[in-house]
């Protein structure tokens, strides 16, 4: 934009490159969707666990597998109705996870 004296108060061309891989960068993360799981006092240790042990999904999967083993060895008659419902809901979710995993592996 120029005035009558020929002075420019804005650039002739105004543009900004937007790279979707860096547009949403947050520290070491990049992507179109990033999930913030909260603050951790030692992000370096958290990252080492993810790199060396497994993703959150893998860790939760192993915990779910271990819980199913423990549930099989419980005596259901010793549980309250609320406790039995809680385990039934968990078992239902674990069954759904198995279906999704099976469907995902069948596509490869």
N, C-alpha and C. Protein backbone atom coordinates (compact mmCIF):
# COMPACT_ATOMS: atom_id res chain seq x y z
N UNK A 1 0.84 -1.17 0.00
CA UNK A 1 0.00 0.00 0.00
C UNK A 1 0.89 1.23 0.00
N UNK A 2 0.70 2.12 -0.96
CA UNK A 2 1.51 3.32 -1.08
C UNK A 2 0.62 4.54 -0.98
N UNK A 3 1.17 5.62 -0.44
CA UNK A 3 0.43 6.87 -0.44
C UNK A 3 0.89 7.72 -1.61
N UNK A 4 0.44 8.94 -1.71
CA UNK A 4 0.77 9.78 -2.86
C UNK A 4 2.23 10.18 -2.89
N UNK A 5 2.95 10.03 -1.81
CA UNK A 5 4.37 10.38 -1.79
C UNK A 5 5.25 9.21 -2.20
N UNK A 6 4.65 8.04 -2.46
CA UNK A 6 5.42 6.88 -2.88
C UNK A 6 5.99 6.08 -1.72
N UNK A 7 5.57 6.41 -0.50
CA UNK A 7 6.04 5.66 0.66
C UNK A 7 5.21 4.40 0.84
N UNK A 8 5.86 3.31 1.07
CA UNK A 8 5.17 2.04 1.26
C UNK A 8 5.03 1.77 2.76
N UNK A 9 3.80 1.49 3.18
CA UNK A 9 3.59 1.17 4.60
C UNK A 9 3.30 -0.32 4.80
N UNK A 10 3.23 -1.07 3.71
CA UNK A 10 3.03 -2.51 3.78
C UNK A 10 3.81 -3.15 2.64
N UNK A 11 4.22 -4.38 2.79
CA UNK A 11 4.95 -5.03 1.69
C UNK A 11 4.06 -5.21 0.47
N UNK A 12 4.69 -5.23 -0.71
CA UNK A 12 3.94 -5.43 -1.95
C UNK A 12 3.32 -6.82 -2.00
N UNK A 13 4.04 -7.79 -1.50
CA UNK A 13 3.54 -9.16 -1.48
C UNK A 13 3.55 -9.66 -0.04
N UNK A 14 2.43 -10.15 0.39
CA UNK A 14 2.33 -10.66 1.74
C UNK A 14 1.91 -12.13 1.65
N UNK A 15 2.73 -13.06 2.14
CA UNK A 15 2.41 -14.48 2.08
C UNK A 15 3.03 -15.18 3.27
N UNK A 16 2.47 -16.35 3.57
CA UNK A 16 3.00 -17.18 4.64
C UNK A 16 2.86 -18.63 4.21
N UNK A 17 3.94 -19.35 4.23
CA UNK A 17 3.89 -20.78 3.90
C UNK A 17 3.39 -21.53 5.12
N UNK A 18 2.44 -22.41 4.91
CA UNK A 18 1.91 -23.22 6.00
C UNK A 18 2.18 -24.68 5.68
N UNK A 19 3.05 -25.27 6.44
CA UNK A 19 3.37 -26.69 6.30
C UNK A 19 2.58 -27.44 7.36
N UNK A 20 1.65 -28.30 6.95
CA UNK A 20 0.82 -28.98 7.97
C UNK A 20 1.62 -29.84 8.93
N UNK A 21 2.82 -30.24 8.57
CA UNK A 21 3.62 -31.07 9.47
C UNK A 21 4.27 -30.25 10.56
N UNK A 22 4.43 -28.94 10.35
CA UNK A 22 5.06 -28.11 11.37
C UNK A 22 4.12 -27.08 11.94
N UNK A 23 2.95 -26.92 11.32
CA UNK A 23 2.01 -25.89 11.75
C UNK A 23 1.58 -26.09 13.19
N UNK A 24 1.38 -27.32 13.60
CA UNK A 24 0.92 -27.61 14.95
C UNK A 24 2.03 -28.13 15.85
N UNK A 25 3.27 -27.78 15.53
CA UNK A 25 4.37 -28.28 16.34
C UNK A 25 4.26 -27.81 17.77
N UNK A 26 4.55 -28.74 18.65
CA UNK A 26 4.52 -28.43 20.08
C UNK A 26 5.72 -29.13 20.68
N UNK A 27 6.80 -28.42 20.85
CA UNK A 27 8.01 -29.05 21.35
C UNK A 27 8.52 -30.07 20.35
N UNK A 28 8.69 -31.32 20.78
CA UNK A 28 9.17 -32.37 19.91
C UNK A 28 8.08 -33.07 19.15
N UNK A 29 6.82 -32.69 19.38
CA UNK A 29 5.71 -33.36 18.72
C UNK A 29 5.35 -32.61 17.45
N UNK A 30 4.82 -33.34 16.48
CA UNK A 30 4.28 -32.69 15.31
C UNK A 30 3.16 -33.54 14.77
N UNK A 31 2.27 -32.90 14.09
CA UNK A 31 1.15 -33.63 13.51
C UNK A 31 -0.09 -32.77 13.49
N UNK A 32 -1.11 -33.29 12.87
CA UNK A 32 -2.35 -32.55 12.80
C UNK A 32 -3.13 -32.64 14.10
N UNK A 33 -2.94 -33.72 14.84
CA UNK A 33 -3.60 -33.89 16.13
C UNK A 33 -2.56 -34.34 17.14
N UNK A 34 -2.42 -33.59 18.19
CA UNK A 34 -1.52 -33.95 19.28
C UNK A 34 -2.34 -34.06 20.55
N UNK A 35 -2.04 -35.03 21.35
CA UNK A 35 -2.77 -35.24 22.59
C UNK A 35 -1.86 -34.88 23.74
N UNK A 36 -2.32 -33.96 24.56
CA UNK A 36 -1.56 -33.56 25.74
C UNK A 36 -2.06 -34.39 26.91
N UNK A 37 -1.23 -35.26 27.43
CA UNK A 37 -1.63 -36.13 28.52
C UNK A 37 -1.29 -35.55 29.87
N UNK A 38 -0.96 -34.28 29.91
CA UNK A 38 -0.70 -33.63 31.19
C UNK A 38 0.77 -33.38 31.42
N UNK A 39 1.04 -32.80 32.55
CA UNK A 39 2.40 -32.45 32.93
C UNK A 39 3.09 -33.66 33.55
N UNK A 40 4.36 -33.77 33.30
CA UNK A 40 5.17 -34.78 33.95
C UNK A 40 6.43 -34.08 34.46
N UNK A 41 6.86 -34.39 35.67
CA UNK A 41 8.04 -33.72 36.19
C UNK A 41 9.32 -34.12 35.45
N UNK A 42 9.30 -35.27 34.78
CA UNK A 42 10.49 -35.74 34.06
C UNK A 42 10.11 -36.19 32.65
N UNK A 43 9.89 -35.26 31.72
CA UNK A 43 9.51 -35.65 30.37
C UNK A 43 10.57 -36.51 29.68
N UNK A 44 11.83 -36.38 30.08
CA UNK A 44 12.88 -37.19 29.49
C UNK A 44 12.70 -38.67 29.85
N UNK A 45 12.31 -38.93 31.09
CA UNK A 45 12.07 -40.32 31.51
C UNK A 45 10.82 -40.86 30.82
N UNK A 46 9.78 -40.03 30.75
CA UNK A 46 8.54 -40.42 30.08
C UNK A 46 8.83 -40.83 28.63
N UNK A 47 9.64 -40.04 27.93
CA UNK A 47 9.98 -40.35 26.55
C UNK A 47 10.81 -41.62 26.46
N UNK A 48 11.72 -41.83 27.39
CA UNK A 48 12.52 -43.05 27.40
C UNK A 48 11.64 -44.28 27.58
N UNK A 49 10.63 -44.18 28.45
CA UNK A 49 9.70 -45.30 28.66
C UNK A 49 8.96 -45.59 27.36
N UNK A 50 8.47 -44.54 26.70
CA UNK A 50 7.76 -44.74 25.44
C UNK A 50 8.66 -45.37 24.38
N UNK A 51 9.92 -44.93 24.32
CA UNK A 51 10.86 -45.44 23.33
C UNK A 51 11.31 -46.87 23.63
N UNK A 52 11.56 -47.17 24.91
CA UNK A 52 12.18 -48.44 25.28
C UNK A 52 11.19 -49.51 25.73
N UNK A 53 10.05 -49.11 26.30
CA UNK A 53 9.09 -50.07 26.83
C UNK A 53 7.92 -50.26 25.86
N UNK A 54 7.31 -49.18 25.49
CA UNK A 54 6.19 -49.28 24.56
C UNK A 54 5.28 -48.08 24.67
N UNK A 55 4.44 -47.92 23.67
CA UNK A 55 3.49 -46.82 23.64
C UNK A 55 2.49 -46.96 24.78
N UNK A 56 1.72 -45.91 25.00
CA UNK A 56 0.69 -45.97 26.04
C UNK A 56 -0.30 -47.09 25.71
N UNK A 57 -0.66 -47.22 24.46
CA UNK A 57 -1.59 -48.27 24.06
C UNK A 57 -1.03 -49.65 24.33
N UNK A 58 0.23 -49.86 24.03
CA UNK A 58 0.85 -51.16 24.28
C UNK A 58 0.92 -51.46 25.77
N UNK A 59 1.28 -50.43 26.56
CA UNK A 59 1.34 -50.63 28.01
C UNK A 59 -0.04 -50.95 28.57
N UNK A 60 -1.05 -50.20 28.13
CA UNK A 60 -2.42 -50.47 28.60
C UNK A 60 -2.90 -51.85 28.14
N UNK A 61 -2.51 -52.25 26.95
CA UNK A 61 -2.88 -53.57 26.46
C UNK A 61 -2.32 -54.68 27.33
N UNK A 62 -1.08 -54.53 27.74
CA UNK A 62 -0.47 -55.53 28.60
C UNK A 62 -1.13 -55.55 29.98
N UNK A 63 -1.49 -54.38 30.48
CA UNK A 63 -2.19 -54.31 31.76
C UNK A 63 -3.55 -54.99 31.63
N UNK A 64 -4.24 -54.74 30.52
CA UNK A 64 -5.53 -55.39 30.28
C UNK A 64 -5.40 -56.90 30.21
N UNK A 65 -4.36 -57.37 29.52
CA UNK A 65 -4.14 -58.82 29.44
C UNK A 65 -3.92 -59.42 30.83
N UNK A 66 -3.11 -58.73 31.65
CA UNK A 66 -2.84 -59.23 33.00
C UNK A 66 -4.11 -59.21 33.85
N UNK A 67 -4.93 -58.18 33.69
CA UNK A 67 -6.18 -58.12 34.46
C UNK A 67 -7.12 -59.25 34.07
N UNK A 68 -7.16 -59.60 32.79
CA UNK A 68 -8.01 -60.72 32.38
C UNK A 68 -7.58 -62.02 33.05
N UNK A 69 -6.28 -62.22 33.19
CA UNK A 69 -5.78 -63.41 33.88
C UNK A 69 -6.27 -63.40 35.33
N UNK A 70 -6.13 -62.27 35.99
CA UNK A 70 -6.56 -62.17 37.39
C UNK A 70 -8.07 -62.36 37.53
N UNK A 71 -8.83 -61.79 36.61
CA UNK A 71 -10.29 -61.90 36.66
C UNK A 71 -10.72 -63.36 36.54
N UNK A 72 -10.04 -64.13 35.68
CA UNK A 72 -10.38 -65.55 35.51
C UNK A 72 -10.20 -66.34 36.80
N UNK A 73 -9.34 -65.87 37.69
CA UNK A 73 -9.06 -66.59 38.92
C UNK A 73 -9.84 -66.06 40.13
N UNK A 74 -10.69 -65.08 39.89
CA UNK A 74 -11.52 -64.55 40.98
C UNK A 74 -12.69 -65.48 41.27
N UNK A 75 -13.19 -65.36 42.45
CA UNK A 75 -14.42 -66.07 42.81
C UNK A 75 -15.56 -65.07 42.73
N UNK A 76 -16.37 -65.13 41.66
CA UNK A 76 -17.42 -64.12 41.46
C UNK A 76 -18.42 -64.05 42.60
N UNK A 77 -18.63 -65.15 43.30
CA UNK A 77 -19.60 -65.14 44.41
C UNK A 77 -19.13 -64.30 45.60
N UNK A 78 -17.83 -63.95 45.61
CA UNK A 78 -17.30 -63.13 46.70
C UNK A 78 -17.33 -61.64 46.38
N UNK A 79 -17.80 -61.28 45.18
CA UNK A 79 -17.84 -59.87 44.77
C UNK A 79 -19.21 -59.27 45.05
N UNK A 80 -19.20 -57.97 45.35
CA UNK A 80 -20.48 -57.27 45.46
C UNK A 80 -21.02 -57.08 44.04
N UNK A 81 -22.27 -56.71 43.94
CA UNK A 81 -22.88 -56.47 42.62
C UNK A 81 -22.14 -55.35 41.89
N UNK A 82 -21.77 -54.31 42.62
CA UNK A 82 -21.04 -53.19 42.01
C UNK A 82 -19.67 -53.63 41.50
N UNK A 83 -18.97 -54.44 42.27
CA UNK A 83 -17.65 -54.94 41.85
C UNK A 83 -17.79 -55.83 40.62
N UNK A 84 -18.81 -56.69 40.61
CA UNK A 84 -19.04 -57.56 39.46
C UNK A 84 -19.37 -56.74 38.21
N UNK A 85 -20.17 -55.69 38.36
CA UNK A 85 -20.49 -54.81 37.24
C UNK A 85 -19.24 -54.12 36.70
N UNK A 86 -18.40 -53.65 37.62
CA UNK A 86 -17.16 -52.97 37.22
C UNK A 86 -16.30 -53.91 36.37
N UNK A 87 -16.14 -55.14 36.81
CA UNK A 87 -15.34 -56.11 36.05
C UNK A 87 -16.01 -56.47 34.74
N UNK A 88 -17.33 -56.57 34.73
CA UNK A 88 -18.05 -56.89 33.49
C UNK A 88 -17.84 -55.79 32.44
N UNK A 89 -17.87 -54.55 32.89
CA UNK A 89 -17.64 -53.43 31.96
C UNK A 89 -16.22 -53.50 31.41
N UNK A 90 -15.25 -53.75 32.27
CA UNK A 90 -13.86 -53.87 31.83
C UNK A 90 -13.70 -55.03 30.84
N UNK A 91 -14.29 -56.16 31.16
CA UNK A 91 -14.20 -57.32 30.27
C UNK A 91 -14.82 -57.01 28.90
N UNK A 92 -15.92 -56.25 28.91
CA UNK A 92 -16.54 -55.85 27.65
C UNK A 92 -15.63 -54.96 26.83
N UNK A 93 -14.97 -54.01 27.49
CA UNK A 93 -14.04 -53.13 26.78
C UNK A 93 -12.84 -53.91 26.24
N UNK A 94 -12.33 -54.82 27.02
CA UNK A 94 -11.20 -55.63 26.56
C UNK A 94 -11.60 -56.49 25.36
N UNK A 95 -12.83 -57.00 25.36
CA UNK A 95 -13.31 -57.77 24.20
C UNK A 95 -13.42 -56.88 22.97
N UNK A 96 -13.88 -55.64 23.15
CA UNK A 96 -13.95 -54.71 22.03
C UNK A 96 -12.56 -54.40 21.48
N UNK A 97 -11.60 -54.24 22.36
CA UNK A 97 -10.22 -53.98 21.94
C UNK A 97 -9.71 -55.15 21.11
N UNK A 98 -9.98 -56.38 21.55
CA UNK A 98 -9.55 -57.56 20.78
C UNK A 98 -10.16 -57.55 19.38
N UNK A 99 -11.44 -57.18 19.28
CA UNK A 99 -12.10 -57.13 17.96
C UNK A 99 -11.44 -56.10 17.06
N UNK A 100 -11.16 -54.92 17.60
CA UNK A 100 -10.52 -53.87 16.80
C UNK A 100 -9.13 -54.32 16.35
N UNK A 101 -8.37 -54.93 17.26
CA UNK A 101 -7.04 -55.42 16.91
C UNK A 101 -7.11 -56.50 15.83
N UNK A 102 -8.07 -57.42 15.99
CA UNK A 102 -8.22 -58.49 15.01
C UNK A 102 -8.56 -57.92 13.64
N UNK A 103 -9.48 -56.95 13.64
CA UNK A 103 -9.86 -56.31 12.39
C UNK A 103 -8.67 -55.58 11.76
N UNK A 104 -7.86 -54.94 12.59
CA UNK A 104 -6.68 -54.22 12.09
C UNK A 104 -5.63 -55.14 11.52
N UNK A 105 -5.43 -56.29 12.19
CA UNK A 105 -4.43 -57.25 11.69
C UNK A 105 -4.93 -57.99 10.45
N UNK A 106 -6.24 -58.17 10.32
CA UNK A 106 -6.80 -58.86 9.15
C UNK A 106 -6.61 -58.03 7.90
N UNK A 107 -6.54 -56.71 8.04
CA UNK A 107 -6.39 -55.83 6.88
C UNK A 107 -4.97 -55.76 6.36
N UNK A 108 -4.03 -56.40 7.05
CA UNK A 108 -2.60 -56.31 6.61
C UNK A 108 -2.16 -57.58 5.95
